[in-house]
Amino acid sequence: MIEKLKKKISWRYRRWVEMQLPFHVYKSRFLATLYYFLFSDAFRRENQAVLAGKVKHLERNQKDKSNLYLLVRNTHRIEKGLLMRPMRKTFALDYIGETVDAYSGFIKEEAGNHEAQQKWFTDVISSYFESVEENEIIAVEKEKFFKCKDFLNGKESPIRSVPYMRNKETLSPITYEQFYELNRQRRSVRWFQDKPVEREKVDKAILAAIQAPSACNRQPFEYRVLDNPDLVKKVVDFPMGTKGYAHSIQTFIVVVGNLDAYFSERDRHLIYVDASLANMSLMLALETLGLSSCPINWPDIENRERMMEEFLKLSPYQRPIMCLGIGYPDFTGKVAFSEKRSLDQIRKYN
């Protein structure tokens, strides 16, 4: 009797906390913070992950002097300075020093592991020093940079990875109508043929996906691709939402966000924005390769977060963003019609 009463009180308390208390505290940032501190742990994993990412980012800056995310971000910032009209005679004075330091650390620790980006870093920073007017700061950093660059001992390519003008003659011939039909063709498919998906096709789709834009080109995400049937069987139920068709999925992708890409909490949402931009391209690319996909929501539920963290051996600053089921479509299975909102409902000008 007492246990039943305790459970009843506990249930009523939890219901009050979840359904009634928010109405009394949501208008105040302080009370809202207090609510999540005292009554809800919904954001605790995210808080820790964001802070862990920040620490890792700062640690690379301060100790290792080899922060790839910092180097990518600053190289892109320099690119934007180089393409400005008109280009300023001097710019980037407040971050060229840390950029050259990051480049130096990258050359010592990572050279050869990121060949295309290595060329991009070298070409853009070289172009910067060739283009700006020299002063005391630039002279010092220029000397440091070219000493680092000399370590590469590579031949200069005639085609440089620097800002360029687009050529009308080389633009894609794909029409809007064709692209629209591809988007209409893409639907969430839940019934797949019992046929393995070639890794070559998955890689092609990912190669297309990573052409998507991301803030300062940091690409703070990665694709964990599972195509071993035993591993797929283990992970496919982690996100929920796959009940009834999980057995049909041939390849399973977990999209993971890397919060160590950022020095500040202000950018914590970019893992979701940037990964989503890439994921849409990924799904469209799969369609062109004869494959179909089903995007699967990843719910922020603590026990499932722990399951995925342990399964993928994630770092404290990494977070699952979403999952994707992939395979060759079984055309005897149906897809949801899923009518979309009208243009007038979803679009507003000015």
Foldseek 3Di string as FASTA:
>chain_A
DVVVVVVVVVVVVLCCLPPPVCVVQVVDPVSVVVSCVPPNVLCVLVVQLLVVLLVLLVCCLPPQLARPLVLLLVLLVLLVLVPDVVRDQDDPLVPLVSNLSNLLSCLVPPPPVCPVVNQSSLQSVVVNLVRHDDDPSSVVSVVSNVVSVVVVVDDDDPDGNGDDDDDPVPDDPDDPVNVVVLVLPAFAFLAFDPDADDVVLLVVLLVQLLVFDANSSSQQKDKDKDQDLVLLVVCQPLQPPNPPRSNRFRMKIWIKGASNSDNDPVCSCRSQVSVVRSVVSSQSSLVVVQKHKHKAAHDSDVVSQVVVCVSVVDDSNMGTGTMMGMHRHDVVDDTDSPDDDDPVVPDDDD
